[in-house]
Amino acid sequence: MSRRKPGQAVRRETEQPASRRWVTLLGNGLAAAALVLALTGGYRLLDWLRDPHAWPVREVQIEGEFRHLRHEQIAAATRDMLRHGFFGVEVGAVQQRLAELPWVEEAAVRRIWPDGMQLRIREQIPVARWGEDGLLNARGELFQPDNVAEFAALPRLAGPISLRERVIRRYIEFRQALQQIERHPVSIELDARRAWRVELDNGMSIRLGRQDEARRMALFIDVYPRVFAAAPQPARTVDMRYSNGFAVHWMTAATPQRQEG
């Protein structure tokens, strides 16, 4: 047990003077007031930055190579959104609005300091028609512009929308296979019964049925050189749905002629 040495001062706890407590309270109050002022000023700063009159969008750069899109069409789609000002405009919303235009495949939007916006747009490139009112791009994505009729020269694909990818795959497979006989498909259709029909560039229609369509197409390609290529008259329809042969409806024939396989 330690003992106090002679002459050593004794330290005692004393209560804080009232004046010092008031200084502490005053300091805390001033800090709170400063925080309130800072928050108020921050809100005012945000309001100022979002003020379209203080920070207007004065320049819009539209970048991309267009054959079907028009600058006026793009401007009309985004004009009301850009009126929110440089800081107030929602870049993601502008991109979404542009993506909703049928001929836009992809859009990217960014701010350019201090008063500009850049719209970079990739236009759709159609590679095939889908049904009567749609087009397909190279990724197999469907888009529906108003001028589908202008693309009648493109191959036509059709079928249930839920089976679009399957139809596209079959079209690619048949197109590659038909190169062996120097023909190409201008139309491929999967009807409501899930039966396949292919029309060639020479006007010939091939019925493949609901199953074994790849095998039946291979059989058609195999017999084409000796049955159809040198025929005195073109065939209108070739029905490949038979198990041991096929039926041919010639352009001038009154009834189909059966060919044994």
C-alpha atoms as a PDB file:
ATOM      1  CA  MET A   1       0.000   0.000   0.000  1.00  0.00           C
ATOM      2  CA  SER A   2       1.531   3.289  -1.108  1.00  0.00           C
ATOM      3  CA  ARG A   3       1.640   6.230   1.198  1.00  0.00           C
ATOM      4  CA  ARG A   4       1.726   9.901   0.426  1.00  0.00           C
ATOM      5  CA  LYS A   5       5.124  11.355   0.888  1.00  0.00           C
ATOM      6  CA  PRO A   6       5.474  14.337   3.134  1.00  0.00           C
ATOM      7  CA  GLY A   7       4.884  17.570   1.268  1.00  0.00           C
ATOM      8  CA  GLN A   8       3.288  15.849  -1.770  1.00  0.00           C
ATOM      9  CA  ALA A   9       0.230  17.700  -3.129  1.00  0.00           C
ATOM     10  CA  VAL A  10      -3.080  15.928  -3.143  1.00  0.00           C
ATOM     11  CA  ARG A  11      -5.052  16.073  -6.494  1.00  0.00           C
ATOM     12  CA  ARG A  12      -8.766  16.411  -6.045  1.00  0.00           C
ATOM     13  CA  GLU A  13     -11.583  16.228  -8.594  1.00  0.00           C
ATOM     14  CA  THR A  14     -13.483  19.443  -8.773  1.00  0.00           C
ATOM     15  CA  GLU A  15     -16.722  20.244 -10.547  1.00  0.00           C
ATOM     16  CA  GLN A  16     -16.525  22.079 -13.901  1.00  0.00           C
ATOM     17  CA  PRO A  17     -17.283  25.781 -13.454  1.00  0.00           C
ATOM     18  CA  ALA A  18     -20.631  26.956 -14.807  1.00  0.00           C
ATOM     19  CA  SER A  19     -18.926  29.360 -17.192  1.00  0.00           C
ATOM     20  CA  ARG A  20     -17.013  26.520 -18.838  1.00  0.00           C
ATOM     21  CA  ARG A  21     -20.218  24.498 -19.283  1.00  0.00           C
ATOM     22  CA  TRP A  22     -21.791  27.445 -21.047  1.00  0.00           C
ATOM     23  CA  VAL A  23     -18.790  27.678 -23.377  1.00  0.00           C
ATOM     24  CA  THR A  24     -19.171  23.997 -24.268  1.00  0.00           C
ATOM     25  CA  LEU A  25     -22.897  24.332 -24.914  1.00  0.00           C
ATOM     26  CA  LEU A  26     -22.302  27.436 -26.989  1.00  0.00           C
ATOM     27  CA  GLY A  27     -19.674  25.619 -29.059  1.00  0.00           C
ATOM     28  CA  ASN A  28     -22.004  22.705 -29.689  1.00  0.00           C
ATOM     29  CA  GLY A  29     -24.777  25.075 -30.684  1.00  0.00           C
ATOM     30  CA  LEU A  30     -22.532  26.912 -33.107  1.00  0.00           C
ATOM     31  CA  ALA A  31     -21.405  23.614 -34.648  1.00  0.00           C
ATOM     32  CA  ALA A  32     -25.026  22.527 -35.118  1.00  0.00           C
ATOM     33  CA  ALA A  33     -25.892  25.889 -36.636  1.00  0.00           C
ATOM     34  CA  ALA A  34     -22.926  25.593 -39.003  1.00  0.00           C
ATOM     35  CA  LEU A  35     -24.105  22.122 -40.035  1.00  0.00           C
ATOM     36  CA  VAL A  36     -27.611  23.417 -40.721  1.00  0.00           C
ATOM     37  CA  LEU A  37     -26.196  26.274 -42.778  1.00  0.00           C
ATOM     38  CA  ALA A  38     -23.967  23.860 -44.686  1.00  0.00           C
ATOM     39  CA  LEU A  39     -26.889  21.561 -45.466  1.00  0.00           C
ATOM     40  CA  THR A  40     -29.049  24.490 -46.491  1.00  0.00           C
ATOM     41  CA  GLY A  41     -26.268  25.809 -48.667  1.00  0.00           C
ATOM     42  CA  GLY A  42     -25.758  22.353 -50.141  1.00  0.00           C
ATOM     43  CA  TYR A  43     -29.414  22.090 -51.099  1.00  0.00           C
ATOM     44  CA  ARG A  44     -29.257  25.527 -52.662  1.00  0.00           C
ATOM     45  CA  LEU A  45     -26.140  24.492 -54.572  1.00  0.00           C
ATOM     46  CA  LEU A  46     -27.908  21.395 -55.883  1.00  0.00           C
ATOM     47  CA  ASP A  47     -30.903  23.475 -56.914  1.00  0.00           C
ATOM     48  CA  TRP A  48     -28.577  25.846 -58.728  1.00  0.00           C
ATOM     49  CA  LEU A  49     -26.771  23.030 -60.526  1.00  0.00           C
ATOM     50  CA  ARG A  50     -30.093  21.525 -61.573  1.00  0.00           C
ATOM     51  CA  ASP A  51     -31.426  24.830 -62.808  1.00  0.00           C
ATOM     52  CA  PRO A  52     -31.680  24.440 -66.604  1.00  0.00           C
ATOM     53  CA  HIS A  53     -31.504  28.209 -67.011  1.00  0.00           C
ATOM     54  CA  ALA A  54     -28.186  28.381 -65.137  1.00  0.00           C
ATOM     55  CA  TRP A  55     -26.730  25.309 -66.861  1.00  0.00           C
ATOM     56  CA  PRO A  56     -28.483  24.878 -70.225  1.00  0.00           C
ATOM     57  CA  VAL A  57     -27.480  22.286 -72.817  1.00  0.00           C
ATOM     58  CA  ARG A  58     -26.363  24.436 -75.738  1.00  0.00           C
ATOM     59  CA  GLU A  59     -24.732  21.873 -78.005  1.00  0.00           C
ATOM     60  CA  VAL A  60     -25.790  18.335 -78.941  1.00  0.00           C
ATOM     61  CA  GLN A  61     -23.369  16.178 -80.929  1.00  0.00           C
ATOM     62  CA  ILE A  62     -24.978  13.303 -82.844  1.00  0.00           C
ATOM     63  CA  GLU A  63     -22.447  10.725 -84.012  1.00  0.00           C
ATOM     64  CA  GLY A  64     -23.062   7.715 -86.229  1.00  0.00           C
ATOM     65  CA  GLU A  65     -23.525   6.626 -89.829  1.00  0.00           C
ATOM     66  CA  PHE A  66     -27.182   6.695 -90.784  1.00  0.00           C
ATOM     67  CA  ARG A  67     -29.097   5.447 -93.798  1.00  0.00           C
ATOM     68  CA  HIS A  68     -32.560   5.385 -92.270  1.00  0.00           C
ATOM     69  CA  LEU A  69     -32.347   7.525 -89.115  1.00  0.00           C
ATOM     70  CA  ARG A  70     -32.684  11.290 -89.442  1.00  0.00           C
ATOM     71  CA  HIS A  71     -31.129  13.885 -87.159  1.00  0.00           C
ATOM     72  CA  GLU A  72     -34.523  15.559 -86.823  1.00  0.00           C
ATOM     73  CA  GLN A  73     -35.991  12.281 -85.571  1.00  0.00           C
ATOM     74  CA  ILE A  74     -33.281  11.933 -82.922  1.00  0.00           C
ATOM     75  CA  ALA A  75     -33.646  15.558 -81.825  1.00  0.00           C
ATOM     76  CA  ALA A  76     -37.411  15.231 -81.508  1.00  0.00           C
ATOM     77  CA  ALA A  77     -37.049  12.120 -79.330  1.00  0.00           C
ATOM     78  CA  THR A  78     -34.639  13.751 -76.857  1.00  0.00           C
ATOM     79  CA  ARG A  79     -35.511  17.456 -76.919  1.00  0.00           C
ATOM     80  CA  ASP A  80     -37.798  17.489 -73.875  1.00  0.00           C
ATOM     81  CA  MET A  81     -35.286  15.505 -71.786  1.00  0.00           C
ATOM     82  CA  LEU A  82     -32.337  17.757 -72.648  1.00  0.00           C
ATOM     83  CA  ARG A  83     -34.316  20.775 -71.463  1.00  0.00           C
ATOM     84  CA  HIS A  84     -33.551  19.711 -67.886  1.00  0.00           C
ATOM     85  CA  GLY A  85     -30.081  21.219 -68.243  1.00  0.00           C
ATOM     86  CA  PHE A  86     -26.511  19.961 -68.180  1.00  0.00           C
ATOM     87  CA  PHE A  87     -26.656  18.514 -64.665  1.00  0.00           C
ATOM     88  CA  GLY A  88     -30.387  17.820 -64.552  1.00  0.00           C
ATOM     89  CA  VAL A  89     -30.584  15.535 -67.588  1.00  0.00           C
ATOM     90  CA  GLU A  90     -30.705  11.803 -66.805  1.00  0.00           C
ATOM     91  CA  VAL A  91     -28.195  10.165 -69.141  1.00  0.00           C
ATOM     92  CA  GLY A  92     -29.659   6.678 -68.694  1.00  0.00           C
ATOM     93  CA  ALA A  93     -33.152   7.892 -69.523  1.00  0.00           C
ATOM     94  CA  VAL A  94     -31.913   9.560 -72.720  1.00  0.00           C
ATOM     95  CA  GLN A  95     -30.197   6.323 -73.775  1.00  0.00           C
ATOM     96  CA  GLN A  96     -33.406   4.398 -73.126  1.00  0.00           C
ATOM     97  CA  ARG A  97     -35.438   6.870 -75.157  1.00  0.00           C
ATOM     98  CA  LEU A  98     -33.041   6.538 -78.092  1.00  0.00           C
ATOM     99  CA  ALA A  99     -33.066   2.737 -77.846  1.00  0.00           C
ATOM    100  CA  GLU A 100     -36.843   2.805 -78.287  1.00  0.00           C
ATOM    101  CA  LEU A 101     -36.469   4.205 -81.810  1.00  0.00           C
ATOM    102  CA  PRO A 102     -36.886   1.246 -84.215  1.00  0.00           C
ATOM    103  CA  TRP A 103     -33.760   2.002 -86.249  1.00  0.00           C
ATOM    104  CA  VAL A 104     -31.460   2.385 -83.202  1.00  0.00           C
ATOM    105  CA  GLU A 105     -29.516  -0.769 -82.342  1.00  0.00           C
ATOM    106  CA  GLU A 106     -27.380   0.800 -79.614  1.00  0.00           C
ATOM    107  CA  ALA A 107     -26.963   4.261 -78.062  1.00  0.00           C
ATOM    108  CA  ALA A 108     -24.425   5.832 -75.694  1.00  0.00           C
ATOM    109  CA  VAL A 109     -24.888   9.274 -74.118  1.00  0.00           C
ATOM    110  CA  ARG A 110     -22.387  11.385 -72.171  1.00  0.00           C
ATOM    111  CA  ARG A 111     -21.955  14.962 -70.988  1.00  0.00           C
ATOM    112  CA  ILE A 112     -19.328  17.241 -72.546  1.00  0.00           C
ATOM    113  CA  TRP A 113     -18.244  20.084 -70.283  1.00  0.00           C
ATOM    114  CA  PRO A 114     -19.517  22.711 -69.900  1.00  0.00           C
ATOM    115  CA  ASP A 115     -22.757  22.705 -71.921  1.00  0.00           C
ATOM    116  CA  GLY A 116     -22.747  19.840 -74.388  1.00  0.00           C
ATOM    117  CA  MET A 117     -24.162  16.334 -74.808  1.00  0.00           C
ATOM    118  CA  GLN A 118     -22.827  13.620 -77.075  1.00  0.00           C
ATOM    119  CA  LEU A 119     -25.200  11.031 -78.572  1.00  0.00           C
ATOM    120  CA  ARG A 120     -23.371   8.109 -80.180  1.00  0.00           C
ATOM    121  CA  ILE A 121     -25.778   5.888 -82.099  1.00  0.00           C
ATOM    122  CA  ARG A 122     -25.374   2.650 -84.029  1.00  0.00           C
ATOM    123  CA  GLU A 123     -28.078   2.157 -86.612  1.00  0.00           C
ATOM    124  CA  GLN A 124     -29.787  -1.159 -87.248  1.00  0.00           C
ATOM    125  CA  ILE A 125     -28.611  -3.112 -90.299  1.00  0.00           C
ATOM    126  CA  PRO A 126     -31.355  -5.457 -91.524  1.00  0.00           C
ATOM    127  CA  VAL A 127     -30.299  -8.844 -92.880  1.00  0.00           C
ATOM    128  CA  ALA A 128     -33.722 -10.499 -93.196  1.00  0.00           C
ATOM    129  CA  ARG A 129     -37.439  -9.865 -92.896  1.00  0.00           C
ATOM    130  CA  TRP A 130     -39.553 -11.401 -90.165  1.00  0.00           C
ATOM    131  CA  GLY A 131     -43.133 -12.100 -91.201  1.00  0.00           C
ATOM    132  CA  GLU A 132     -44.898  -9.176 -92.833  1.00  0.00           C
ATOM    133  CA  ASP A 133     -43.988  -6.291 -90.533  1.00  0.00           C
ATOM    134  CA  GLY A 134     -40.585  -6.973 -88.969  1.00  0.00           C
ATOM    135  CA  LEU A 135     -36.873  -7.017 -89.742  1.00  0.00           C
ATOM    136  CA  LEU A 136     -33.965  -8.922 -88.203  1.00  0.00           C
ATOM    137  CA  ASN A 137     -30.452  -7.629 -87.606  1.00  0.00           C
ATOM    138  CA  ALA A 138     -27.259  -9.716 -87.700  1.00  0.00           C
ATOM    139  CA  ARG A 139     -27.743 -10.718 -84.045  1.00  0.00           C
ATOM    140  CA  GLY A 140     -31.215 -12.073 -84.771  1.00  0.00           C
ATOM    141  CA  GLU A 141     -32.936  -9.242 -82.918  1.00  0.00           C
ATOM    142  CA  LEU A 142     -36.357  -8.183 -84.175  1.00  0.00           C
ATOM    143  CA  PHE A 143     -37.219  -4.551 -84.880  1.00  0.00           C
ATOM    144  CA  GLN A 144     -40.285  -3.111 -86.556  1.00  0.00           C
ATOM    145  CA  PRO A 145     -39.849   0.156 -88.463  1.00  0.00           C
ATOM    146  CA  ASP A 146     -42.575   1.703 -90.586  1.00  0.00           C
ATOM    147  CA  ASN A 147     -40.845   1.054 -93.924  1.00  0.00           C
ATOM    148  CA  VAL A 148     -40.535  -2.754 -93.902  1.00  0.00           C
ATOM    149  CA  ALA A 149     -42.009  -2.901 -97.420  1.00  0.00           C
ATOM    150  CA  GLU A 150     -38.835  -1.293 -98.779  1.00  0.00           C
ATOM    151  CA  PHE A 151     -36.869  -4.447 -97.930  1.00  0.00           C
ATOM    152  CA  ALA A 152     -38.737  -6.966-100.053  1.00  0.00           C
ATOM    153  CA  ALA A 153     -35.428  -8.135-101.558  1.00  0.00           C
ATOM    154  CA  LEU A 154     -34.250  -9.525 -98.212  1.00  0.00           C
ATOM    155  CA  PRO A 155     -34.944 -13.180 -97.344  1.00  0.00           C
ATOM    156  CA  ARG A 156     -38.170 -13.682 -95.429  1.00  0.00           C
ATOM    157  CA  LEU A 157     -38.329 -15.702 -92.212  1.00  0.00           C
ATOM    158  CA  ALA A 158     -41.566 -16.461 -90.388  1.00  0.00           C
ATOM    159  CA  GLY A 159     -42.843 -18.493 -87.484  1.00  0.00           C
ATOM    160  CA  PRO A 160     -44.007 -18.244 -83.877  1.00  0.00           C
ATOM    161  CA  ILE A 161     -42.167 -15.391 -82.202  1.00  0.00           C
ATOM    162  CA  SER A 162     -41.108 -17.685 -79.345  1.00  0.00           C
ATOM    163  CA  LEU A 163     -39.289 -19.907 -81.874  1.00  0.00           C
ATOM    164  CA  ARG A 164     -37.542 -17.087 -83.708  1.00  0.00           C
ATOM    165  CA  GLU A 165     -34.049 -18.290 -82.799  1.00  0.00           C
ATOM    166  CA  ARG A 166     -34.832 -21.785 -84.061  1.00  0.00           C
ATOM    167  CA  VAL A 167     -36.053 -20.416 -87.395  1.00  0.00           C
ATOM    168  CA  ILE A 168     -32.929 -18.277 -87.728  1.00  0.00           C
ATOM    169  CA  ARG A 169     -30.663 -21.271 -87.046  1.00  0.00           C
ATOM    170  CA  ARG A 170     -32.449 -23.367 -89.654  1.00  0.00           C
ATOM    171  CA  TYR A 171     -32.207 -20.557 -92.189  1.00  0.00           C
ATOM    172  CA  ILE A 172     -28.437 -20.313 -91.673  1.00  0.00           C
ATOM    173  CA  GLU A 173     -28.035 -24.101 -91.932  1.00  0.00           C
ATOM    174  CA  PHE A 174     -30.166 -24.390 -95.084  1.00  0.00           C
ATOM    175  CA  ARG A 175     -28.456 -21.415 -96.728  1.00  0.00           C
ATOM    176  CA  GLN A 176     -25.044 -23.014 -96.223  1.00  0.00           C
ATOM    177  CA  ALA A 177     -26.217 -26.445 -97.373  1.00  0.00           C
ATOM    178  CA  LEU A 178     -27.925 -25.132-100.523  1.00  0.00           C
ATOM    179  CA  GLN A 179     -24.682 -23.562-101.711  1.00  0.00           C
ATOM    180  CA  GLN A 180     -23.748 -27.076-102.889  1.00  0.00           C
ATOM    181  CA  ILE A 181     -26.325 -26.781-105.674  1.00  0.00           C
ATOM    182  CA  GLU A 182     -25.835 -23.030-106.201  1.00  0.00           C
ATOM    183  CA  ARG A 183     -29.221 -22.151-104.796  1.00  0.00           C
ATOM    184  CA  HIS A 184     -30.217 -20.037-101.802  1.00  0.00           C
ATOM    185  CA  PRO A 185     -33.412 -19.692 -99.742  1.00  0.00           C
ATOM    186  CA  VAL A 186     -35.500 -16.559-100.161  1.00  0.00           C
ATOM    187  CA  SER A 187     -38.097 -17.662 -97.614  1.00  0.00           C
ATOM    188  CA  ILE A 188     -38.274 -20.101 -94.726  1.00  0.00           C
ATOM    189  CA  GLU A 189     -41.402 -20.567 -92.660  1.00  0.00           C
ATOM    190  CA  LEU A 190     -42.352 -22.587 -89.594  1.00  0.00           C
ATOM    191  CA  ASP A 191     -46.141 -22.625 -89.538  1.00  0.00           C
ATOM    192  CA  ALA A 192     -48.553 -23.035 -86.631  1.00  0.00           C
ATOM    193  CA  ARG A 193     -48.387 -26.834 -86.996  1.00  0.00           C
ATOM    194  CA  ARG A 194     -44.562 -26.631 -86.687  1.00  0.00           C
ATOM    195  CA  ALA A 195     -44.151 -27.705 -90.317  1.00  0.00           C
ATOM    196  CA  TRP A 196     -41.303 -26.285 -92.430  1.00  0.00           C
ATOM    197  CA  ARG A 197     -41.549 -24.753 -95.877  1.00  0.00           C
ATOM    198  CA  VAL A 198     -38.593 -23.340 -97.818  1.00  0.00           C
ATOM    199  CA  GLU A 199     -38.764 -21.295-101.016  1.00  0.00           C
ATOM    200  CA  LEU A 200     -35.701 -21.053-103.249  1.00  0.00           C
ATOM    201  CA  ASP A 201     -34.455 -18.241-105.432  1.00  0.00           C
ATOM    202  CA  ASN A 202     -35.679 -20.073-108.573  1.00  0.00           C
ATOM    203  CA  GLY A 203     -39.284 -20.086-107.318  1.00  0.00           C
ATOM    204  CA  MET A 204     -39.271 -23.693-106.136  1.00  0.00           C
ATOM    205  CA  SER A 205     -41.106 -24.419-102.880  1.00  0.00           C
ATOM    206  CA  ILE A 206     -39.928 -27.297-100.674  1.00  0.00           C
ATOM    207  CA  ARG A 207     -42.198 -28.837 -98.058  1.00  0.00           C
ATOM    208  CA  LEU A 208     -40.194 -30.518 -95.289  1.00  0.00           C
ATOM    209  CA  GLY A 209     -42.901 -31.350 -92.773  1.00  0.00           C
ATOM    210  CA  ARG A 210     -42.759 -31.341 -88.994  1.00  0.00           C
ATOM    211  CA  GLN A 211     -39.781 -33.610 -88.369  1.00  0.00           C
ATOM    212  CA  ASP A 212     -36.439 -34.653 -89.866  1.00  0.00           C
ATOM    213  CA  GLU A 213     -36.285 -31.388 -91.785  1.00  0.00           C
ATOM    214  CA  ALA A 214     -32.474 -31.419 -91.928  1.00  0.00           C
ATOM    215  CA  ARG A 215     -32.371 -34.985 -93.316  1.00  0.00           C
ATOM    216  CA  ARG A 216     -35.078 -34.204 -95.857  1.00  0.00           C
ATOM    217  CA  MET A 217     -33.246 -31.094 -97.020  1.00  0.00           C
ATOM    218  CA  ALA A 218     -30.077 -33.168 -97.416  1.00  0.00           C
ATOM    219  CA  LEU A 219     -32.022 -35.656 -99.572  1.00  0.00           C
ATOM    220  CA  PHE A 220     -33.378 -32.841-101.738  1.00  0.00           C
ATOM    221  CA  ILE A 221     -29.866 -31.470-102.275  1.00  0.00           C
ATOM    222  CA  ASP A 222     -28.652 -34.961-103.184  1.00  0.00           C
ATOM    223  CA  VAL A 223     -31.268 -35.535-105.908  1.00  0.00           C
ATOM    224  CA  TYR A 224     -31.385 -31.959-107.206  1.00  0.00           C
ATOM    225  CA  PRO A 225     -28.632 -32.238-109.863  1.00  0.00           C
ATOM    226  CA  ARG A 226     -30.114 -35.274-111.643  1.00  0.00           C
ATOM    227  CA  VAL A 227     -33.831 -34.603-111.086  1.00  0.00           C
ATOM    228  CA  PHE A 228     -34.283 -30.839-111.172  1.00  0.00           C
ATOM    229  CA  ALA A 229     -31.208 -29.083-112.551  1.00  0.00           C
ATOM    230  CA  ALA A 230     -31.548 -30.557-116.052  1.00  0.00           C
ATOM    231  CA  ALA A 231     -35.357 -30.859-116.092  1.00  0.00           C
ATOM    232  CA  PRO A 232     -37.073 -29.382-119.185  1.00  0.00           C
ATOM    233  CA  GLN A 233     -39.513 -27.522-116.962  1.00  0.00           C
ATOM    234  CA  PRO A 234     -39.102 -26.017-113.499  1.00  0.00           C
ATOM    235  CA  ALA A 235     -40.733 -27.577-110.466  1.00  0.00           C
ATOM    236  CA  ARG A 236     -43.315 -25.563-108.561  1.00  0.00           C
ATOM    237  CA  THR A 237     -43.434 -27.636-105.355  1.00  0.00           C
ATOM    238  CA  VAL A 238     -41.362 -30.498-104.001  1.00  0.00           C
ATOM    239  CA  ASP A 239     -42.947 -32.443-101.153  1.00  0.00           C
ATOM    240  CA  MET A 240     -40.232 -34.194 -99.130  1.00  0.00           C
ATOM    241  CA  ARG A 241     -42.544 -35.553 -96.439  1.00  0.00           C
ATOM    242  CA  TYR A 242     -42.602 -39.120 -97.783  1.00  0.00           C
ATOM    243  CA  SER A 243     -40.600 -41.807 -96.018  1.00  0.00           C
ATOM    244  CA  ASN A 244     -39.239 -43.391 -99.230  1.00  0.00           C
ATOM    245  CA  GLY A 245     -39.349 -40.629-101.814  1.00  0.00           C
ATOM    246  CA  PHE A 246     -40.873 -37.265-102.708  1.00  0.00           C
ATOM    247  CA  ALA A 247     -43.597 -35.744-104.852  1.00  0.00           C
ATOM    248  CA  VAL A 248     -43.042 -33.076-107.493  1.00  0.00           C
ATOM    249  CA  HIS A 249     -45.554 -30.596-108.827  1.00  0.00           C
ATOM    250  CA  TRP A 250     -44.123 -29.244-112.081  1.00  0.00           C
ATOM    251  CA  MET A 251     -45.014 -25.813-113.341  1.00  0.00           C
ATOM    252  CA  THR A 252     -47.118 -27.133-116.237  1.00  0.00           C
ATOM    253  CA  ALA A 253     -48.217 -30.461-114.795  1.00  0.00           C
ATOM    254  CA  ALA A 254     -51.839 -30.915-113.801  1.00  0.00           C
ATOM    255  CA  THR A 255     -51.093 -33.395-110.997  1.00  0.00           C
ATOM    256  CA  PRO A 256     -48.047 -34.038-108.831  1.00  0.00           C
ATOM    257  CA  GLN A 257     -45.656 -36.788-109.922  1.00  0.00           C
ATOM    258  CA  ARG A 258     -44.304 -39.186-107.307  1.00  0.00           C
ATOM    259  CA  GLN A 259     -40.584 -40.006-107.315  1.00  0.00           C
ATOM    260  CA  GLU A 260     -39.332 -43.033-105.385  1.00  0.00           C
ATOM    261  CA  GLY A 261     -36.210 -42.543-103.288  1.00  0.00           C
END
